[in-house]
Amino acid sequence: MLRRSVTLLLSAALAAIPLAPAAAEGFAGAGSTFAHPLLARWGQVYSSLQGEGGSAFAADGGFDYEPVGSTGGIMRVLQGAVDFAATDVPLPPEEVERHHLAQFPIATGGVAIAATPRGVPGGALRLSAPVLARIYLGEVTRWNDPALTALNPGLALPDAAITVFQRGDRSGTSWHFTSYLAAGSPEWRDRLGVDTLPRWPLGTGLRGNREMADRLARSENAIGYVEASQAAERRLPVALLQNAGGRFVAPTLPALQAALAGTRWDAARHFAQTGDMAEGDEAYPITATVFALLPQKPAGATRGRHARDFFRLALTERAADAQALGFVPLPASVADQVSTYWRARLGGR
């Protein structure tokens, strides 16, 4: 399913993305809105070091990142319009090879289900994949539907229609959300499957995690899915999700770390993962690892060096920034794997 989704993602969107010139100085990236808060933080550090004449970067460059979504980022790096892409859905190894790219993880976050039923505080609502699928299929349309009250005994759910928000752009966040639905709902799996842009049967389509968070913040009786740190920043009420062990879990840092506990990173496969739901009683069930894509032969040697130095700093000295924003940074051992992979795939130090 991953291979099919990514292949469709590449073929459907390539002609629709306008070609923009890469930055003449410094370097430019594009892609994931999910990772935008983290990349923006790292970009501030990068710019600050340059302004201070820091030794990590040359003084003639700058950092620019455009949060156009994972699909848009992949298209731009394939066109040579940017020096790196960030994507929540890794390319299959054969696609990385075919396009002469390097692919490696940078951090992992959670996809939170934000829900605003009137009178229900954050962290009180319980949701499962089968019931969420029925909401997004239009089969559960009111907050006091029996399917929801059965999951939430004793919780006063309002007799109100559910306003459904979904992503109207191609999105890695949507891919991970629909993976969770497909894992728990045969109906969803058979009718819509896993995709970056499903054929949603209902709902209001929004662009990017930021717009999703903004609409949820000002909407009552609504539901949507959004990157967990952006939900926390906007103080959105988030639901507890049922995981593979049957427990209801919030997208906290320990729950995200538990979800990654059994992850095995394989540099020979360019670190691509399957997207299966994490096992374990404490694991949060919807996680998304963000991957960077760099061309093996960058458009400019200086820009390529900037991009690699940026990620070297980010994954080592600035790993704590990821945790401060609610992401799980790469363990030191995985960061070391990535450094070894760079030397083999991109050359240099």
Foldseek 3Di string as FASTA:
>chain_A
DLQVQVVCLQVVCLVVADAAAFDPFAFEFEAALLCVVVVVVLQVVVVVCLVVVHPLADVGHHYYYYYQHHSNRVSHVLVLRGFKYKHLRDHWLVVCVVSQKFKAFFWKFFKFKFFFFPPDFAAQFEDELQVVVCVQQVNDFFQVPPVRCVRRPPDDGDRDTEAEEEAQDQHSSQQLSLLRNVVPHVVSCVPFNGHSHTPGPDHDHDHGQVRVCVVQLPDHNYIYIHTVLSCVVSVGRTHFYQAPVRDTAGRALVQCCQQCVPDDADVVRSRHDDSAFRDDPSHRGGMTTMMMMGHLDRPDPSNNSSVVSSSLCCLPVVQVSQVVSRIGGDDPVSSVVVVVSCCVSNNDD
